[in-house]
mmCIF file of all heavy atoms, coordinates in Angstrom:
data_MODEL
# 
_entry.id   MODEL 
# 
loop_
_atom_site.group_PDB 
_atom_site.id 
_atom_site.type_symbol 
_atom_site.label_atom_id 
_atom_site.label_alt_id 
_atom_site.label_comp_id 
_atom_site.label_asym_id 
_atom_site.label_entity_id 
_atom_site.label_seq_id 
_atom_site.pdbx_PDB_ins_code 
_atom_site.Cartn_x 
_atom_site.Cartn_y 
_atom_site.Cartn_z 
_atom_site.occupancy 
_atom_site.B_iso_or_equiv 
_atom_site.pdbx_formal_charge 
_atom_site.auth_seq_id 
_atom_site.auth_comp_id 
_atom_site.auth_asym_id 
_atom_site.auth_atom_id 
_atom_site.pdbx_PDB_model_num 
ATOM 1   N N   . PRO A 1 1  ? 96.274  104.482 95.231  1.00 0.00 ? 1  PRO A N   1 
ATOM 2   C CA  . PRO A 1 1  ? 94.893  104.347 95.698  1.00 0.00 ? 1  PRO A CA  1 
ATOM 3   C C   . PRO A 1 1  ? 94.782  104.233 97.208  1.00 0.00 ? 1  PRO A C   1 
ATOM 4   O O   . PRO A 1 1  ? 95.678  103.711 97.888  1.00 0.00 ? 1  PRO A O   1 
ATOM 5   C CB  . PRO A 1 1  ? 94.391  103.081 95.019  1.00 0.00 ? 1  PRO A CB  1 
ATOM 6   C CG  . PRO A 1 1  ? 95.649  102.314 94.652  1.00 0.00 ? 1  PRO A CG  1 
ATOM 7   C CD  . PRO A 1 1  ? 96.688  103.339 94.370  1.00 0.00 ? 1  PRO A CD  1 
ATOM 8   N N   . VAL A 1 2  ? 93.669  104.736 97.725  1.00 0.00 ? 2  VAL A N   1 
ATOM 9   C CA  . VAL A 1 2  ? 93.330  104.592 99.143  1.00 0.00 ? 2  VAL A CA  1 
ATOM 10  C C   . VAL A 1 2  ? 93.068  103.121 99.429  1.00 0.00 ? 2  VAL A C   1 
ATOM 11  O O   . VAL A 1 2  ? 92.477  102.399 98.598  1.00 0.00 ? 2  VAL A O   1 
ATOM 12  C CB  . VAL A 1 2  ? 92.080  105.437 99.485  1.00 0.00 ? 2  VAL A CB  1 
ATOM 13  C CG1 . VAL A 1 2  ? 91.647  105.233 100.904 1.00 0.00 ? 2  VAL A CG1 1 
ATOM 14  C CG2 . VAL A 1 2  ? 92.374  106.911 99.226  1.00 0.00 ? 2  VAL A CG2 1 
ATOM 15  N N   . ILE A 1 3  ? 93.499  102.643 100.596 1.00 0.00 ? 3  ILE A N   1 
ATOM 16  C CA  . ILE A 1 3  ? 93.402  101.213 100.924 1.00 0.00 ? 3  ILE A CA  1 
ATOM 17  C C   . ILE A 1 3  ? 92.799  101.011 102.297 1.00 0.00 ? 3  ILE A C   1 
ATOM 18  O O   . ILE A 1 3  ? 92.771  101.945 103.102 1.00 0.00 ? 3  ILE A O   1 
ATOM 19  C CB  . ILE A 1 3  ? 94.751  100.507 100.822 1.00 0.00 ? 3  ILE A CB  1 
ATOM 20  C CG1 . ILE A 1 3  ? 95.821  101.263 101.657 1.00 0.00 ? 3  ILE A CG1 1 
ATOM 21  C CG2 . ILE A 1 3  ? 95.201  100.362 99.370  1.00 0.00 ? 3  ILE A CG2 1 
ATOM 22  C CD1 . ILE A 1 3  ? 97.171  100.612 101.716 1.00 0.00 ? 3  ILE A CD1 1 
ATOM 23  N N   . ASP A 1 4  ? 92.325  99.809  102.553 1.00 0.00 ? 4  ASP A N   1 
ATOM 24  C CA  . ASP A 1 4  ? 91.779  99.498  103.880 1.00 0.00 ? 4  ASP A CA  1 
ATOM 25  C C   . ASP A 1 4  ? 92.512  98.308  104.515 1.00 0.00 ? 4  ASP A C   1 
ATOM 26  O O   . ASP A 1 4  ? 92.013  97.624  105.370 1.00 0.00 ? 4  ASP A O   1 
ATOM 27  C CB  . ASP A 1 4  ? 90.274  99.177  103.795 1.00 0.00 ? 4  ASP A CB  1 
ATOM 28  C CG  . ASP A 1 4  ? 89.947  98.004  102.856 1.00 0.00 ? 4  ASP A CG  1 
ATOM 29  O OD1 . ASP A 1 4  ? 90.911  97.375  102.345 1.00 0.00 ? 4  ASP A OD1 1 
ATOM 30  O OD2 . ASP A 1 4  ? 88.765  97.765  102.623 1.00 0.00 ? 4  ASP A OD2 1 
ATOM 31  N N   . ASP A 1 5  ? 93.769  98.087  104.061 1.00 0.00 ? 5  ASP A N   1 
ATOM 32  C CA  . ASP A 1 5  ? 94.585  97.013  104.614 1.00 0.00 ? 5  ASP A CA  1 
ATOM 33  C C   . ASP A 1 5  ? 96.016  97.446  104.584 1.00 0.00 ? 5  ASP A C   1 
ATOM 34  O O   . ASP A 1 5  ? 96.341  98.592  104.315 1.00 0.00 ? 5  ASP A O   1 
ATOM 35  C CB  . ASP A 1 5  ? 94.368  95.699  103.827 1.00 0.00 ? 5  ASP A CB  1 
ATOM 36  C CG  . ASP A 1 5  ? 94.632  95.861  102.336 1.00 0.00 ? 5  ASP A CG  1 
ATOM 37  O OD1 . ASP A 1 5  ? 95.433  96.741  101.958 1.00 0.00 ? 5  ASP A OD1 1 
ATOM 38  O OD2 . ASP A 1 5  ? 94.092  95.087  101.537 1.00 0.00 ? 5  ASP A OD2 1 
ATOM 39  N N   . GLY A 1 6  ? 96.933  96.518  104.870 1.00 0.00 ? 6  GLY A N   1 
ATOM 40  C CA  . GLY A 1 6  ? 98.351  96.852  104.959 1.00 0.00 ? 6  GLY A CA  1 
ATOM 41  C C   . GLY A 1 6  ? 99.115  96.702  103.658 1.00 0.00 ? 6  GLY A C   1 
ATOM 42  O O   . GLY A 1 6  ? 100.356 96.724  103.682 1.00 0.00 ? 6  GLY A O   1 
ATOM 43  N N   . ARG A 1 7  ? 98.384  96.580  102.544 1.00 0.00 ? 7  ARG A N   1 
ATOM 44  C CA  . ARG A 1 7  ? 99.092  96.295  101.276 1.00 0.00 ? 7  ARG A CA  1 
ATOM 45  C C   . ARG A 1 7  ? 100.110 97.353  100.930 1.00 0.00 ? 7  ARG A C   1 
ATOM 46  O O   . ARG A 1 7  ? 101.249 97.032  100.531 1.00 0.00 ? 7  ARG A O   1 
ATOM 47  C CB  . ARG A 1 7  ? 98.018  96.185  100.146 1.00 0.00 ? 7  ARG A CB  1 
ATOM 48  C CG  . ARG A 1 7  ? 98.610  95.980  98.759  1.00 0.00 ? 7  ARG A CG  1 
ATOM 49  C CD  . ARG A 1 7  ? 97.527  95.584  97.798  1.00 0.00 ? 7  ARG A CD  1 
ATOM 50  N NE  . ARG A 1 7  ? 96.508  96.601  97.628  1.00 0.00 ? 7  ARG A NE  1 
ATOM 51  C CZ  . ARG A 1 7  ? 96.515  97.478  96.618  1.00 0.00 ? 7  ARG A CZ  1 
ATOM 52  N NH1 . ARG A 1 7  ? 97.490  97.457  95.709  1.00 0.00 ? 7  ARG A NH1 1 
ATOM 53  N NH2 . ARG A 1 7  ? 95.556  98.376  96.481  1.00 0.00 ? 7  ARG A NH2 1 
ATOM 54  N N   . GLY A 1 8  ? 99.759  98.626  101.050 1.00 0.00 ? 8  GLY A N   1 
ATOM 55  C CA  . GLY A 1 8  ? 100.680 99.669  100.687 1.00 0.00 ? 8  GLY A CA  1 
ATOM 56  C C   . GLY A 1 8  ? 101.915 99.710  101.571 1.00 0.00 ? 8  GLY A C   1 
ATOM 57  O O   . GLY A 1 8  ? 103.026 99.976  101.090 1.00 0.00 ? 8  GLY A O   1 
ATOM 58  N N   . ILE A 1 9  ? 101.722 99.460  102.856 1.00 0.00 ? 9  ILE A N   1 
ATOM 59  C CA  . ILE A 1 9  ? 102.861 99.426  103.760 1.00 0.00 ? 9  ILE A CA  1 
ATOM 60  C C   . ILE A 1 9  ? 103.803 98.295  103.359 1.00 0.00 ? 9  ILE A C   1 
ATOM 61  O O   . ILE A 1 9  ? 105.028 98.491  103.295 1.00 0.00 ? 9  ILE A O   1 
ATOM 62  C CB  . ILE A 1 9  ? 102.380 99.247  105.224 1.00 0.00 ? 9  ILE A CB  1 
ATOM 63  C CG1 . ILE A 1 9  ? 101.571 100.460 105.667 1.00 0.00 ? 9  ILE A CG1 1 
ATOM 64  C CG2 . ILE A 1 9  ? 103.567 99.018  106.150 1.00 0.00 ? 9  ILE A CG2 1 
ATOM 65  C CD1 . ILE A 1 9  ? 100.904 100.307 107.029 1.00 0.00 ? 9  ILE A CD1 1 
ATOM 66  N N   . GLU A 1 10 ? 103.241 97.142  103.037 1.00 0.00 ? 10 GLU A N   1 
ATOM 67  C CA  . GLU A 1 10 ? 104.069 95.991  102.671 1.00 0.00 ? 10 GLU A CA  1 
ATOM 68  C C   . GLU A 1 10 ? 104.752 96.203  101.327 1.00 0.00 ? 10 GLU A C   1 
ATOM 69  O O   . GLU A 1 10 ? 105.899 95.819  101.135 1.00 0.00 ? 10 GLU A O   1 
ATOM 70  C CB  . GLU A 1 10 ? 103.241 94.713  102.660 1.00 0.00 ? 10 GLU A CB  1 
ATOM 71  C CG  . GLU A 1 10 ? 102.826 94.233  104.032 1.00 0.00 ? 10 GLU A CG  1 
ATOM 72  C CD  . GLU A 1 10 ? 104.036 94.070  104.961 1.00 0.00 ? 10 GLU A CD  1 
ATOM 73  O OE1 . GLU A 1 10 ? 105.050 93.469  104.513 1.00 0.00 ? 10 GLU A OE1 1 
ATOM 74  O OE2 . GLU A 1 10 ? 103.990 94.522  106.106 1.00 0.00 ? 10 GLU A OE2 1 
ATOM 75  N N   . GLN A 1 11 ? 104.029 96.810  100.376 1.00 0.00 ? 11 GLN A N   1 
ATOM 76  C CA  . GLN A 1 11 ? 104.663 97.112  99.077  1.00 0.00 ? 11 GLN A CA  1 
ATOM 77  C C   . GLN A 1 11 ? 105.851 98.012  99.229  1.00 0.00 ? 11 GLN A C   1 
ATOM 78  O O   . GLN A 1 11 ? 106.931 97.776  98.684  1.00 0.00 ? 11 GLN A O   1 
ATOM 79  C CB  . GLN A 1 11 ? 103.637 97.753  98.151  1.00 0.00 ? 11 GLN A CB  1 
ATOM 80  C CG  . GLN A 1 11 ? 102.614 96.825  97.534  1.00 0.00 ? 11 GLN A CG  1 
ATOM 81  C CD  . GLN A 1 11 ? 101.689 97.579  96.566  1.00 0.00 ? 11 GLN A CD  1 
ATOM 82  O OE1 . GLN A 1 11 ? 101.543 98.798  96.619  1.00 0.00 ? 11 GLN A OE1 1 
ATOM 83  N NE2 . GLN A 1 11 ? 101.065 96.828  95.662  1.00 0.00 ? 11 GLN A NE2 1 
ATOM 84  N N   . THR A 1 12 ? 105.641 99.113  99.973  1.00 0.00 ? 12 THR A N   1 
ATOM 85  C CA  . THR A 1 12 ? 106.713 100.064 100.169 1.00 0.00 ? 12 THR A CA  1 
ATOM 86  C C   . THR A 1 12 ? 107.893 99.436  100.898 1.00 0.00 ? 12 THR A C   1 
ATOM 87  O O   . THR A 1 12 ? 109.062 99.627  100.529 1.00 0.00 ? 12 THR A O   1 
ATOM 88  C CB  . THR A 1 12 ? 106.214 101.283 100.954 1.00 0.00 ? 12 THR A CB  1 
ATOM 89  O OG1 . THR A 1 12 ? 105.037 101.804 100.348 1.00 0.00 ? 12 THR A OG1 1 
ATOM 90  C CG2 . THR A 1 12 ? 107.250 102.379 101.008 1.00 0.00 ? 12 THR A CG2 1 
ATOM 91  N N   . ARG A 1 13 ? 107.595 98.617  101.906 1.00 0.00 ? 13 ARG A N   1 
ATOM 92  C CA  . ARG A 1 13 ? 108.655 97.927  102.649 1.00 0.00 ? 13 ARG A CA  1 
ATOM 93  C C   . ARG A 1 13 ? 109.439 96.994  101.728 1.00 0.00 ? 13 ARG A C   1 
ATOM 94  O O   . ARG A 1 13 ? 110.689 96.984  101.758 1.00 0.00 ? 13 ARG A O   1 
ATOM 95  C CB  . ARG A 1 13 ? 108.049 97.152  103.804 1.00 0.00 ? 13 ARG A CB  1 
ATOM 96  C CG  . ARG A 1 13 ? 109.059 96.422  104.650 1.00 0.00 ? 13 ARG A CG  1 
ATOM 97  C CD  . ARG A 1 13 ? 108.317 95.563  105.668 1.00 0.00 ? 13 ARG A CD  1 
ATOM 98  N NE  . ARG A 1 13 ? 107.910 96.308  106.857 1.00 0.00 ? 13 ARG A NE  1 
ATOM 99  C CZ  . ARG A 1 13 ? 106.736 96.194  107.448 1.00 0.00 ? 13 ARG A CZ  1 
ATOM 100 N NH1 . ARG A 1 13 ? 105.822 95.401  106.932 1.00 0.00 ? 13 ARG A NH1 1 
ATOM 101 N NH2 . ARG A 1 13 ? 106.478 96.876  108.544 1.00 0.00 ? 13 ARG A NH2 1 
ATOM 102 N N   . ARG A 1 14 ? 108.748 96.180  100.920 1.00 0.00 ? 14 ARG A N   1 
ATOM 103 C CA  . ARG A 1 14 ? 109.453 95.261  100.018 1.00 0.00 ? 14 ARG A CA  1 
ATOM 104 C C   . ARG A 1 14 ? 110.365 96.026  99.064  1.00 0.00 ? 14 ARG A C   1 
ATOM 105 O O   . ARG A 1 14 ? 111.501 95.616  98.812  1.00 0.00 ? 14 ARG A O   1 
ATOM 106 C CB  . ARG A 1 14 ? 108.455 94.435  99.199  1.00 0.00 ? 14 ARG A CB  1 
ATOM 107 C CG  . ARG A 1 14 ? 107.825 93.301  99.948  1.00 0.00 ? 14 ARG A CG  1 
ATOM 108 C CD  . ARG A 1 14 ? 107.221 92.270  99.019  1.00 0.00 ? 14 ARG A CD  1 
ATOM 109 N NE  . ARG A 1 14 ? 106.215 92.823  98.121  1.00 0.00 ? 14 ARG A NE  1 
ATOM 110 C CZ  . ARG A 1 14 ? 104.949 93.027  98.440  1.00 0.00 ? 14 ARG A CZ  1 
ATOM 111 N NH1 . ARG A 1 14 ? 104.514 92.718  99.675  1.00 0.00 ? 14 ARG A NH1 1 
ATOM 112 N NH2 . ARG A 1 14 ? 104.085 93.487  97.564  1.00 0.00 ? 14 ARG A NH2 1 
ATOM 113 N N   . TYR A 1 15 ? 109.857 97.109  98.522  1.00 0.00 ? 15 TYR A N   1 
ATOM 114 C CA  . TYR A 1 15 ? 110.625 97.862  97.549  1.00 0.00 ? 15 TYR A CA  1 
ATOM 115 C C   . TYR A 1 15 ? 111.879 98.481  98.203  1.00 0.00 ? 15 TYR A C   1 
ATOM 116 O O   . TYR A 1 15 ? 112.973 98.399  97.648  1.00 0.00 ? 15 TYR A O   1 
ATOM 117 C CB  . TYR A 1 15 ? 109.769 98.952  96.917  1.00 0.00 ? 15 TYR A CB  1 
ATOM 118 C CG  . TYR A 1 15 ? 110.508 99.700  95.809  1.00 0.00 ? 15 TYR A CG  1 
ATOM 119 C CD1 . TYR A 1 15 ? 110.683 99.105  94.555  1.00 0.00 ? 15 TYR A CD1 1 
ATOM 120 C CD2 . TYR A 1 15 ? 111.000 100.975 95.995  1.00 0.00 ? 15 TYR A CD2 1 
ATOM 121 C CE1 . TYR A 1 15 ? 111.364 99.774  93.533  1.00 0.00 ? 15 TYR A CE1 1 
ATOM 122 C CE2 . TYR A 1 15 ? 111.666 101.663 94.978  1.00 0.00 ? 15 TYR A CE2 1 
ATOM 123 C CZ  . TYR A 1 15 ? 111.844 101.046 93.765  1.00 0.00 ? 15 TYR A CZ  1 
ATOM 124 O OH  . TYR A 1 15 ? 112.514 101.677 92.753  1.00 0.00 ? 15 TYR A OH  1 
ATOM 125 N N   . LEU A 1 16 ? 111.726 99.095  99.348  1.00 0.00 ? 16 LEU A N   1 
ATOM 126 C CA  . LEU A 1 16 ? 112.881 99.719  99.994  1.00 0.00 ? 16 LEU A CA  1 
ATOM 127 C C   . LEU A 1 16 ? 113.923 98.679  100.398 1.00 0.00 ? 16 LEU A C   1 
ATOM 128 O O   . LEU A 1 16 ? 115.119 98.930  100.292 1.00 0.00 ? 16 LEU A O   1 
ATOM 129 C CB  . LEU A 1 16 ? 112.403 100.506 101.234 1.00 0.00 ? 16 LEU A CB  1 
ATOM 130 C CG  . LEU A 1 16 ? 111.470 101.677 100.978 1.00 0.00 ? 16 LEU A CG  1 
ATOM 131 C CD1 . LEU A 1 16 ? 111.176 102.413 102.288 1.00 0.00 ? 16 LEU A CD1 1 
ATOM 132 C CD2 . LEU A 1 16 ? 111.976 102.660 99.937  1.00 0.00 ? 16 LEU A CD2 1 
ATOM 133 N N   . ARG A 1 17 ? 113.436 97.528  100.888 1.00 0.00 ? 17 ARG A N   1 
ATOM 134 C CA  . ARG A 1 17 ? 114.402 96.468  101.231 1.00 0.00 ? 17 ARG A CA  1 
ATOM 135 C C   . ARG A 1 17 ? 115.158 95.989  99.986  1.00 0.00 ? 17 ARG A C   1 
ATOM 136 O O   . ARG A 1 17 ? 116.349 95.708  100.042 1.00 0.00 ? 17 ARG A O   1 
ATOM 137 C CB  . ARG A 1 17 ? 113.663 95.322  101.912 1.00 0.00 ? 17 ARG A CB  1 
ATOM 138 C CG  . ARG A 1 17 ? 113.251 95.604  103.347 1.00 0.00 ? 17 ARG A CG  1 
ATOM 139 C CD  . ARG A 1 17 ? 112.445 94.462  103.946 1.00 0.00 ? 17 ARG A CD  1 
ATOM 140 N NE  . ARG A 1 17 ? 112.190 94.638  105.345 1.00 0.00 ? 17 ARG A NE  1 
ATOM 141 C CZ  . ARG A 1 17 ? 111.311 93.940  106.049 1.00 0.00 ? 17 ARG A CZ  1 
ATOM 142 N NH1 . ARG A 1 17 ? 110.602 92.971  105.441 1.00 0.00 ? 17 ARG A NH1 1 
ATOM 143 N NH2 . ARG A 1 17 ? 111.104 94.184  107.333 1.00 0.00 ? 17 ARG A NH2 1 
ATOM 144 N N   . TRP A 1 18 ? 114.419 95.884  98.878  1.00 0.00 ? 18 TRP A N   1 
ATOM 145 C CA  . TRP A 1 18 ? 115.076 95.461  97.638  1.00 0.00 ? 18 TRP A CA  1 
ATOM 146 C C   . TRP A 1 18 ? 116.094 96.500  97.180  1.00 0.00 ? 18 TRP A C   1 
ATOM 147 O O   . TRP A 1 18 ? 117.224 96.148  96.812  1.00 0.00 ? 18 TRP A O   1 
ATOM 148 C CB  . TRP A 1 18 ? 114.044 95.200  96.527  1.00 0.00 ? 18 TRP A CB  1 
ATOM 149 C CG  . TRP A 1 18 ? 114.746 94.850  95.241  1.00 0.00 ? 18 TRP A CG  1 
ATOM 150 C CD1 . TRP A 1 18 ? 115.278 93.655  94.892  1.00 0.00 ? 18 TRP A CD1 1 
ATOM 151 C CD2 . TRP A 1 18 ? 115.023 95.746  94.167  1.00 0.00 ? 18 TRP A CD2 1 
ATOM 152 N NE1 . TRP A 1 18 ? 115.879 93.741  93.660  1.00 0.00 ? 18 TRP A NE1 1 
ATOM 153 C CE2 . TRP A 1 18 ? 115.721 95.002  93.197  1.00 0.00 ? 18 TRP A CE2 1 
ATOM 154 C CE3 . TRP A 1 18 ? 114.753 97.082  93.934  1.00 0.00 ? 18 TRP A CE3 1 
ATOM 155 C CZ2 . TRP A 1 18 ? 116.185 95.567  92.003  1.00 0.00 ? 18 TRP A CZ2 1 
ATOM 156 C CZ3 . TRP A 1 18 ? 115.185 97.675  92.740  1.00 0.00 ? 18 TRP A CZ3 1 
ATOM 157 C CH2 . TRP A 1 18 ? 115.888 96.913  91.796  1.00 0.00 ? 18 TRP A CH2 1 
ATOM 158 N N   . LEU A 1 19 ? 115.722 97.776  97.211  1.00 0.00 ? 19 LEU A N   1 
ATOM 159 C CA  . LEU A 1 19 ? 116.667 98.825  96.860  1.00 0.00 ? 19 LEU A CA  1 
ATOM 160 C C   . LEU A 1 19 ? 117.937 98.697  97.705  1.00 0.00 ? 19 LEU A C   1 
ATOM 161 O O   . LEU A 1 19 ? 119.061 98.747  97.207  1.00 0.00 ? 19 LEU A O   1 
ATOM 162 C CB  . LEU A 1 19 ? 116.073 100.213 97.070  1.00 0.00 ? 19 LEU A CB  1 
ATOM 163 C CG  . LEU A 1 19 ? 115.136 100.797 96.040  1.00 0.00 ? 19 LEU A CG  1 
ATOM 164 C CD1 . LEU A 1 19 ? 114.783 102.239 96.438  1.00 0.00 ? 19 LEU A CD1 1 
ATOM 165 C CD2 . LEU A 1 19 ? 115.730 100.755 94.629  1.00 0.00 ? 19 LEU A CD2 1 
ATOM 166 N N   . ASP A 1 20 ? 117.761 98.560  99.009  1.00 0.00 ? 20 ASP A N   1 
ATOM 167 C CA  . ASP A 1 20 ? 118.904 98.500  99.939  1.00 0.00 ? 20 ASP A CA  1 
ATOM 168 C C   . ASP A 1 20 ? 119.792 97.329  99.609  1.00 0.00 ? 20 ASP A C   1 
ATOM 169 O O   . ASP A 1 20 ? 121.023 97.466  99.491  1.00 0.00 ? 20 ASP A O   1 
ATOM 170 C CB  . ASP A 1 20 ? 118.390 98.437  101.357 1.00 0.00 ? 20 ASP A CB  1 
ATOM 171 C CG  . ASP A 1 20 ? 119.516 98.417  102.373 1.00 0.00 ? 20 ASP A CG  1 
ATOM 172 O OD1 . ASP A 1 20 ? 120.338 99.341  102.373 1.00 0.00 ? 20 ASP A OD1 1 
ATOM 173 O OD2 . ASP A 1 20 ? 119.580 97.452  103.172 1.00 0.00 ? 20 ASP A OD2 1 
ATOM 174 N N   . SER A 1 21 ? 119.234 96.155  99.462  1.00 0.00 ? 21 SER A N   1 
ATOM 175 C CA  . SER A 1 21 ? 120.045 94.964  99.240  1.00 0.00 ? 21 SER A CA  1 
ATOM 176 C C   . SER A 1 21 ? 120.694 94.977  97.851  1.00 0.00 ? 21 SER A C   1 
ATOM 177 O O   . SER A 1 21 ? 121.862 94.623  97.716  1.00 0.00 ? 21 SER A O   1 
ATOM 178 C CB  . SER A 1 21 ? 119.202 93.691  99.433  1.00 0.00 ? 21 SER A CB  1 
ATOM 179 O OG  . SER A 1 21 ? 118.166 93.620  98.489  1.00 0.00 ? 21 SER A OG  1 
ATOM 180 N N   . SER A 1 22 ? 119.943 95.377  96.830  1.00 0.00 ? 22 SER A N   1 
ATOM 181 C CA  . SER A 1 22 ? 120.484 95.365  95.489  1.00 0.00 ? 22 SER A CA  1 
ATOM 182 C C   . SER A 1 22 ? 121.550 96.447  95.307  1.00 0.00 ? 22 SER A C   1 
ATOM 183 O O   . SER A 1 22 ? 122.581 96.193  94.633  1.00 0.00 ? 22 SER A O   1 
ATOM 184 C CB  . SER A 1 22 ? 119.382 95.519  94.453  1.00 0.00 ? 22 SER A CB  1 
ATOM 185 O OG  . SER A 1 22 ? 118.796 96.793  94.511  1.00 0.00 ? 22 SER A OG  1 
ATOM 186 N N   . PHE A 1 23 ? 121.357 97.605  95.866  1.00 0.00 ? 23 PHE A N   1 
ATOM 187 C CA  . PHE A 1 23 ? 122.376 98.682  95.759  1.00 0.00 ? 23 PHE A CA  1 
ATOM 188 C C   . PHE A 1 23 ? 123.625 98.294  96.544  1.00 0.00 ? 23 PHE A C   1 
ATOM 189 O O   . PHE A 1 23 ? 124.740 98.566  96.106  1.00 0.00 ? 23 PHE A O   1 
ATOM 190 C CB  . PHE A 1 23 ? 121.797 99.995  96.281  1.00 0.00 ? 23 PHE A CB  1 
ATOM 191 C CG  . PHE A 1 23 ? 120.820 100.662 95.349  1.00 0.00 ? 23 PHE A CG  1 
ATOM 192 C CD1 . PHE A 1 23 ? 120.412 100.076 94.180  1.00 0.00 ? 23 PHE A CD1 1 
ATOM 193 C CD2 . PHE A 1 23 ? 120.292 101.901 95.666  1.00 0.00 ? 23 PHE A CD2 1 
ATOM 194 C CE1 . PHE A 1 23 ? 119.500 100.683 93.305  1.00 0.00 ? 23 PHE A CE1 1 
ATOM 195 C CE2 . PHE A 1 23 ? 119.384 102.561 94.817  1.00 0.00 ? 23 PHE A CE2 1 
ATOM 196 C CZ  . PHE A 1 23 ? 118.963 101.907 93.662  1.00 0.00 ? 23 PHE A CZ  1 
ATOM 197 N N   . ASP A 1 24 ? 123.429 97.665  97.694  1.00 0.00 ? 24 ASP A N   1 
ATOM 198 C CA  . ASP A 1 24 ? 124.614 97.262  98.486  1.00 0.00 ? 24 ASP A CA  1 
ATOM 199 C C   . ASP A 1 24 ? 125.402 96.206  97.724  1.00 0.00 ? 24 ASP A C   1 
ATOM 200 O O   . ASP A 1 24 ? 126.649 96.289  97.664  1.00 0.00 ? 24 ASP A O   1 
ATOM 201 C CB  . ASP A 1 24 ? 124.147 96.715  99.830  1.00 0.00 ? 24 ASP A CB  1 
ATOM 202 C CG  . ASP A 1 24 ? 125.311 96.333  100.734 1.00 0.00 ? 24 ASP A CG  1 
ATOM 203 O OD1 . ASP A 1 24 ? 126.075 97.259  101.110 1.00 0.00 ? 24 ASP A OD1 1 
ATOM 204 O OD2 . ASP A 1 24 ? 125.475 95.134  101.045 1.00 0.00 ? 24 ASP A OD2 1 
ATOM 205 N N   . ALA A 1 25 ? 124.729 95.228  97.137  1.00 0.00 ? 25 ALA A N   1 
ATOM 206 C CA  . ALA A 1 25 ? 125.414 94.177  96.398  1.00 0.00 ? 25 ALA A CA  1 
ATOM 207 C C   . ALA A 1 25 ? 126.141 94.762  95.192  1.00 0.00 ? 25 ALA A C   1 
ATOM 208 O O   . ALA A 1 25 ? 127.268 94.369  94.851  1.00 0.00 ? 25 ALA A O   1 
ATOM 209 C CB  . ALA A 1 25 ? 124.415 93.093  95.951  1.00 0.00 ? 25 ALA A CB  1 
ATOM 210 N N   . ALA A 1 26 ? 125.483 95.706  94.500  1.00 0.00 ? 26 ALA A N   1 
ATOM 211 C CA  . ALA A 1 26 ? 126.099 96.319  93.323  1.00 0.00 ? 26 ALA A CA  1 
ATOM 212 C C   . ALA A 1 26 ? 127.350 97.100  93.713  1.00 0.00 ? 26 ALA A C   1 
ATOM 213 O O   . ALA A 1 26 ? 128.373 97.056  92.997  1.00 0.00 ? 26 ALA A O   1 
ATOM 214 C CB  . ALA A 1 26 ? 125.107 97.227  92.628  1.00 0.00 ? 26 ALA A CB  1 
ATOM 215 N N   . ALA A 1 27 ? 127.279 97.805  94.815  1.00 0.00 ? 27 ALA A N   1 
ATOM 216 C CA  . ALA A 1 27 ? 128.444 98.579  95.271  1.00 0.00 ? 27 ALA A CA  1 
ATOM 217 C C   . ALA A 1 27 ? 129.576 97.617  95.648  1.00 0.00 ? 27 ALA A C   1 
ATOM 218 O O   . ALA A 1 27 ? 130.767 97.919  95.372  1.00 0.00 ? 27 ALA A O   1 
ATOM 219 C CB  . ALA A 1 27 ? 128.051 99.460  96.436  1.00 0.00 ? 27 ALA A CB  1 
# 
């Protein structure tokens, strides 16, 4: 959805950071 705040930026940032940390730990 179209947004008028930073929610989408923060959601995407949280997800990418989680991918990075969880994949690194798994490796």
